[in-house]
């Protein structure tokens, strides 16, 4: 990812988070205030993208790997017949206490 893409991505995320409409001028202003030098076409490309697609949709698609959220996370039904098998639980590693009964063996390294 180029510096221009990354800078515009963060600028768009900032604008979205503050509830400000995402425009090329506002993206460019944020990028300039961060003292970043990017190609002049990046803010316009990003603003056109966000006119056509919601930033929420893009984030959800990125998180689910491009699979729609409804498909990525199956909902289990009430009957349980078509439910996916549960993922195996992570094994818990128990720390075994050190056996301090070496003294009982009758020998020591320093005897």
N, C-alpha and C. Protein backbone atom coordinates (compact mmCIF):
# COMPACT_ATOMS: atom_id res chain seq x y z
N UNK A 1 0.86 -1.16 0.00
CA UNK A 1 0.00 0.00 0.00
C UNK A 1 0.91 1.23 0.00
N UNK A 2 0.59 2.15 -0.85
CA UNK A 2 1.41 3.36 -0.96
C UNK A 2 1.09 4.34 0.17
N UNK A 3 1.95 5.32 0.32
CA UNK A 3 1.75 6.34 1.34
C UNK A 3 0.45 7.10 1.10
N UNK A 4 0.15 7.37 -0.18
CA UNK A 4 -1.08 8.10 -0.50
C UNK A 4 -2.32 7.33 -0.10
N UNK A 5 -2.32 6.02 -0.40
CA UNK A 5 -3.47 5.20 -0.03
C UNK A 5 -3.65 5.14 1.48
N UNK A 6 -2.55 4.92 2.16
CA UNK A 6 -2.61 4.81 3.61
C UNK A 6 -3.05 6.12 4.26
N UNK A 7 -2.49 7.22 3.79
CA UNK A 7 -2.85 8.52 4.35
C UNK A 7 -4.33 8.83 4.13
N UNK A 8 -4.82 8.55 2.94
CA UNK A 8 -6.24 8.81 2.64
C UNK A 8 -7.15 7.85 3.40
N UNK A 9 -6.70 6.64 3.62
CA UNK A 9 -7.49 5.68 4.40
C UNK A 9 -7.67 6.18 5.82
N UNK A 10 -6.56 6.60 6.44
CA UNK A 10 -6.66 7.12 7.81
C UNK A 10 -7.46 8.41 7.87
N UNK A 11 -7.29 9.27 6.88
CA UNK A 11 -8.05 10.52 6.86
C UNK A 11 -9.54 10.24 6.75
N UNK A 12 -9.90 9.30 5.88
CA UNK A 12 -11.32 8.95 5.73
C UNK A 12 -11.87 8.34 7.00
N UNK A 13 -11.06 7.53 7.68
CA UNK A 13 -11.50 6.92 8.93
C UNK A 13 -11.72 8.00 10.01
N UNK A 14 -10.84 8.99 10.05
CA UNK A 14 -11.01 10.09 11.00
C UNK A 14 -12.29 10.87 10.73
N UNK A 15 -12.52 11.17 9.46
CA UNK A 15 -13.73 11.92 9.09
C UNK A 15 -14.98 11.11 9.44
N UNK A 16 -14.96 9.83 9.10
CA UNK A 16 -16.12 8.97 9.39
C UNK A 16 -16.38 8.90 10.89
N UNK A 17 -15.31 8.74 11.67
CA UNK A 17 -15.45 8.61 13.12
C UNK A 17 -16.05 9.86 13.74
N UNK A 18 -15.74 11.02 13.16
CA UNK A 18 -16.29 12.28 13.68
C UNK A 18 -17.63 12.64 13.06
N UNK A 19 -18.13 11.80 12.16
CA UNK A 19 -19.43 12.07 11.54
C UNK A 19 -19.39 13.16 10.50
N UNK A 20 -18.22 13.43 9.94
CA UNK A 20 -18.04 14.47 8.94
C UNK A 20 -18.10 13.84 7.55
N UNK A 21 -18.82 14.43 6.61
CA UNK A 21 -18.86 13.87 5.26
C UNK A 21 -17.45 13.77 4.66
N UNK A 22 -17.20 12.67 3.98
CA UNK A 22 -15.87 12.42 3.41
C UNK A 22 -15.81 13.04 2.02
N UNK A 23 -15.05 14.13 1.92
CA UNK A 23 -14.87 14.81 0.63
C UNK A 23 -13.38 14.88 0.33
N UNK A 24 -13.07 15.13 -0.95
CA UNK A 24 -11.67 15.22 -1.38
C UNK A 24 -10.96 16.36 -0.66
N UNK A 25 -11.65 17.48 -0.48
CA UNK A 25 -11.04 18.63 0.16
C UNK A 25 -10.70 18.34 1.62
N UNK A 26 -11.59 17.67 2.31
CA UNK A 26 -11.36 17.37 3.72
C UNK A 26 -10.26 16.33 3.89
N UNK A 27 -10.21 15.35 3.01
CA UNK A 27 -9.13 14.36 3.05
C UNK A 27 -7.79 15.06 2.81
N UNK A 28 -7.76 15.92 1.79
CA UNK A 28 -6.52 16.63 1.47
C UNK A 28 -6.08 17.52 2.62
N UNK A 29 -7.03 18.16 3.30
CA UNK A 29 -6.70 19.02 4.43
C UNK A 29 -6.06 18.22 5.57
N UNK A 30 -6.62 17.06 5.86
CA UNK A 30 -6.07 16.22 6.94
C UNK A 30 -4.67 15.73 6.57
N UNK A 31 -4.51 15.31 5.32
CA UNK A 31 -3.20 14.80 4.88
C UNK A 31 -2.16 15.92 4.93
N UNK A 32 -2.54 17.11 4.49
CA UNK A 32 -1.61 18.25 4.54
C UNK A 32 -1.27 18.63 5.97
N UNK A 33 -2.24 18.58 6.86
CA UNK A 33 -1.97 18.94 8.25
C UNK A 33 -1.05 17.92 8.92
N UNK A 34 -0.98 16.71 8.37
CA UNK A 34 -0.07 15.69 8.89
C UNK A 34 1.30 15.79 8.24
N UNK A 35 1.49 16.82 7.40
CA UNK A 35 2.75 17.06 6.70
C UNK A 35 3.17 15.87 5.83
N UNK A 36 2.20 15.27 5.16
CA UNK A 36 2.48 14.18 4.24
C UNK A 36 2.37 14.67 2.81
N UNK A 37 3.26 14.21 1.97
CA UNK A 37 3.24 14.55 0.55
C UNK A 37 2.70 13.34 -0.22
N UNK A 38 1.54 13.52 -0.84
CA UNK A 38 0.94 12.44 -1.63
C UNK A 38 0.58 12.99 -3.00
N UNK A 39 0.32 12.08 -3.93
CA UNK A 39 -0.14 12.50 -5.26
C UNK A 39 -1.52 13.12 -5.13
N UNK A 40 -1.78 14.13 -5.95
CA UNK A 40 -3.01 14.92 -5.82
C UNK A 40 -4.28 14.15 -6.19
N UNK A 41 -4.15 13.02 -6.86
CA UNK A 41 -5.35 12.28 -7.27
C UNK A 41 -5.93 11.39 -6.17
N UNK A 42 -5.15 11.07 -5.14
CA UNK A 42 -5.64 10.16 -4.10
C UNK A 42 -6.88 10.66 -3.36
N UNK A 43 -6.93 11.89 -2.87
CA UNK A 43 -8.14 12.33 -2.16
C UNK A 43 -9.40 12.25 -3.01
N UNK A 44 -9.29 12.59 -4.30
CA UNK A 44 -10.45 12.51 -5.19
C UNK A 44 -10.92 11.08 -5.40
N UNK A 45 -9.98 10.14 -5.53
CA UNK A 45 -10.36 8.74 -5.70
C UNK A 45 -11.08 8.20 -4.46
N UNK A 46 -10.56 8.57 -3.31
CA UNK A 46 -11.18 8.09 -2.08
C UNK A 46 -12.56 8.71 -1.87
N UNK A 47 -12.71 9.99 -2.18
CA UNK A 47 -14.02 10.61 -1.98
C UNK A 47 -15.05 10.01 -2.94
N UNK A 48 -14.65 9.69 -4.17
CA UNK A 48 -15.57 9.04 -5.12
C UNK A 48 -15.94 7.64 -4.65
N UNK A 49 -14.98 6.94 -4.06
CA UNK A 49 -15.26 5.61 -3.53
C UNK A 49 -16.32 5.68 -2.44
N UNK A 50 -16.18 6.65 -1.54
CA UNK A 50 -17.11 6.74 -0.42
C UNK A 50 -18.44 7.36 -0.81
N UNK A 51 -18.54 7.92 -2.00
CA UNK A 51 -19.85 8.34 -2.51
C UNK A 51 -20.66 7.12 -2.93
N UNK A 52 -19.96 6.08 -3.40
CA UNK A 52 -20.64 4.89 -3.92
C UNK A 52 -20.77 3.78 -2.89
N UNK A 53 -19.81 3.68 -1.98
CA UNK A 53 -19.82 2.61 -0.99
C UNK A 53 -19.69 3.20 0.40
N UNK A 54 -20.36 2.59 1.32
CA UNK A 54 -20.28 3.00 2.72
C UNK A 54 -18.97 2.50 3.31
N UNK A 55 -18.36 3.32 4.15
CA UNK A 55 -17.12 2.90 4.80
C UNK A 55 -17.37 1.70 5.71
N UNK A 56 -18.57 1.60 6.27
CA UNK A 56 -18.92 0.44 7.10
C UNK A 56 -18.89 -0.84 6.28
N UNK A 57 -19.43 -0.80 5.06
CA UNK A 57 -19.40 -1.97 4.19
C UNK A 57 -17.98 -2.39 3.87
N UNK A 58 -17.13 -1.42 3.60
CA UNK A 58 -15.74 -1.73 3.27
C UNK A 58 -15.01 -2.34 4.46
N UNK A 59 -15.28 -1.84 5.64
CA UNK A 59 -14.64 -2.37 6.84
C UNK A 59 -15.13 -3.79 7.10
N UNK A 60 -16.43 -4.00 6.99
CA UNK A 60 -16.97 -5.34 7.23
C UNK A 60 -16.44 -6.35 6.21
N UNK A 61 -16.31 -5.93 4.95
CA UNK A 61 -15.78 -6.83 3.94
C UNK A 61 -14.31 -7.12 4.18
N UNK A 62 -13.56 -6.17 4.68
CA UNK A 62 -12.15 -6.39 4.97
C UNK A 62 -11.99 -7.35 6.14
N UNK A 63 -12.85 -7.21 7.14
CA UNK A 63 -12.76 -8.06 8.32
C UNK A 63 -13.16 -9.50 7.99
N UNK A 64 -14.17 -9.66 7.16
CA UNK A 64 -14.65 -11.00 6.84
C UNK A 64 -13.92 -11.61 5.66
N UNK A 65 -12.92 -10.94 5.13
CA UNK A 65 -12.15 -11.49 4.02
C UNK A 65 -12.90 -11.43 2.71
N UNK A 66 -13.80 -10.48 2.56
CA UNK A 66 -14.54 -10.34 1.32
C UNK A 66 -15.84 -11.13 1.29
N UNK A 67 -16.07 -11.96 2.30
CA UNK A 67 -17.29 -12.73 2.38
C UNK A 67 -18.32 -11.90 3.14
N UNK A 68 -19.54 -11.82 2.65
CA UNK A 68 -20.55 -11.05 3.37
C UNK A 68 -20.67 -11.53 4.82
N UNK A 69 -20.94 -10.62 5.71
CA UNK A 69 -20.97 -10.93 7.13
C UNK A 69 -21.97 -12.03 7.46
N UNK A 70 -23.10 -12.09 6.76
CA UNK A 70 -24.10 -13.11 7.04
C UNK A 70 -23.58 -14.50 6.70
N UNK A 71 -22.70 -14.61 5.72
CA UNK A 71 -22.15 -15.90 5.34
C UNK A 71 -20.95 -16.24 6.21
N UNK A 72 -20.19 -15.25 6.61
CA UNK A 72 -18.96 -15.48 7.37
C UNK A 72 -19.24 -16.03 8.76
N UNK A 73 -20.34 -15.61 9.37
CA UNK A 73 -20.67 -16.06 10.72
C UNK A 73 -22.01 -16.77 10.69
N UNK A 74 -22.01 -18.10 10.53
CA UNK A 74 -23.28 -18.82 10.47
C UNK A 74 -24.03 -18.73 11.79
N UNK A 75 -25.33 -18.61 11.69
CA UNK A 75 -26.17 -18.54 12.86
C UNK A 75 -26.72 -19.93 13.11
N UNK A 76 -26.58 -20.41 14.33
CA UNK A 76 -27.06 -21.76 14.63
C UNK A 76 -28.57 -21.73 14.78
N UNK A 77 -29.22 -22.74 14.22
CA UNK A 77 -30.67 -22.85 14.27
C UNK A 77 -31.11 -23.50 15.56
N UNK A 78 -32.38 -23.54 15.79
CA UNK A 78 -32.92 -24.12 17.01
C UNK A 78 -32.85 -25.63 17.02
N UNK A 79 -32.90 -26.30 15.82
CA UNK A 79 -32.93 -27.75 15.79
C UNK A 79 -31.57 -28.36 16.03
N UNK A 80 -30.51 -27.67 15.61
CA UNK A 80 -29.18 -28.19 15.84
C UNK A 80 -28.74 -29.19 14.78
N UNK A 81 -29.62 -29.55 13.83
CA UNK A 81 -29.26 -30.52 12.81
C UNK A 81 -28.24 -29.96 11.83
N UNK A 82 -28.36 -28.71 11.46
CA UNK A 82 -27.47 -28.14 10.47
C UNK A 82 -26.40 -27.25 11.08
N UNK A 83 -26.27 -27.30 12.37
CA UNK A 83 -25.27 -26.45 13.02
C UNK A 83 -23.87 -26.95 12.73
N UNK A 84 -22.97 -26.03 12.54
CA UNK A 84 -21.57 -26.39 12.29
C UNK A 84 -20.97 -26.94 13.57
N UNK A 85 -20.03 -27.88 13.44
CA UNK A 85 -19.40 -28.40 14.66
C UNK A 85 -18.64 -27.31 15.38
N UNK A 86 -18.66 -27.41 16.67
CA UNK A 86 -18.00 -26.40 17.48
C UNK A 86 -16.49 -26.53 17.34
N UNK A 87 -15.82 -25.41 17.39
CA UNK A 87 -14.36 -25.42 17.30
C UNK A 87 -13.80 -26.03 18.57
N UNK A 88 -12.71 -26.78 18.46
CA UNK A 88 -12.15 -27.38 19.67
C UNK A 88 -11.63 -26.29 20.60
N UNK A 89 -11.86 -26.50 21.85
CA UNK A 89 -11.42 -25.52 22.85
C UNK A 89 -9.90 -25.56 22.95
N UNK A 90 -9.34 -24.42 23.18
CA UNK A 90 -7.89 -24.34 23.33
C UNK A 90 -7.48 -25.09 24.59
N UNK A 91 -6.42 -25.88 24.45
CA UNK A 91 -5.95 -26.64 25.60
C UNK A 91 -5.34 -25.70 26.61
N UNK A 92 -5.69 -25.93 27.84
CA UNK A 92 -5.14 -25.11 28.90
C UNK A 92 -3.86 -25.76 29.40
N UNK A 93 -2.83 -24.98 29.45
CA UNK A 93 -1.57 -25.49 29.97
C UNK A 93 -1.49 -25.16 31.45
N UNK A 94 -1.39 -26.20 32.23
CA UNK A 94 -1.27 -25.99 33.66
C UNK A 94 0.19 -26.08 34.04
N UNK A 95 0.63 -25.11 34.76
CA UNK A 95 1.99 -25.14 35.24
C UNK A 95 2.07 -26.12 36.41
N UNK A 96 2.86 -27.15 36.21
CA UNK A 96 3.01 -28.11 37.29
C UNK A 96 4.00 -27.54 38.30
N UNK A 97 3.66 -27.66 39.56
CA UNK A 97 4.58 -27.13 40.57
C UNK A 97 5.88 -27.94 40.53
N UNK A 98 6.96 -27.23 40.73
CA UNK A 98 8.25 -27.90 40.75
C UNK A 98 8.32 -28.82 41.95
N UNK A 99 8.80 -30.00 41.69
CA UNK A 99 8.93 -30.98 42.76
C UNK A 99 10.20 -30.67 43.53
N UNK A 100 10.04 -30.27 44.75
CA UNK A 100 11.18 -29.90 45.57
C UNK A 100 11.61 -31.05 46.47
N UNK A 101 11.30 -32.25 46.05
CA UNK A 101 11.65 -33.41 46.87
C UNK A 101 13.01 -33.99 46.50
N UNK A 102 13.85 -33.26 45.77
CA UNK A 102 15.18 -33.74 45.45
C UNK A 102 16.02 -33.91 46.70
N UNK A 103 15.70 -33.18 47.74
CA UNK A 103 16.44 -33.30 49.00
C UNK A 103 16.23 -34.69 49.60
N UNK A 104 15.12 -35.31 49.30
CA UNK A 104 14.79 -36.62 49.86
C UNK A 104 15.63 -37.73 49.25
N UNK A 105 16.29 -37.52 48.14
CA UNK A 105 17.04 -38.58 47.49
C UNK A 105 18.36 -38.87 48.16
N UNK A 106 18.80 -38.01 49.02
CA UNK A 106 20.00 -38.28 49.78
C UNK A 106 21.28 -37.83 49.11
N UNK A 107 21.21 -37.16 48.01
CA UNK A 107 22.43 -36.64 47.40
C UNK A 107 22.19 -35.23 46.95
N UNK A 108 23.25 -34.50 46.83
CA UNK A 108 23.18 -33.12 46.43
C UNK A 108 24.38 -32.82 45.56
N UNK A 109 24.30 -31.84 44.77
CA UNK A 109 25.37 -31.47 43.89
C UNK A 109 26.56 -30.92 44.65
N UNK A 110 26.29 -30.34 45.82
CA UNK A 110 27.36 -29.71 46.58
C UNK A 110 27.73 -30.48 47.84
N UNK A 111 27.43 -31.73 47.95
CA UNK A 111 27.81 -32.52 49.15
C UNK A 111 29.24 -32.94 49.10
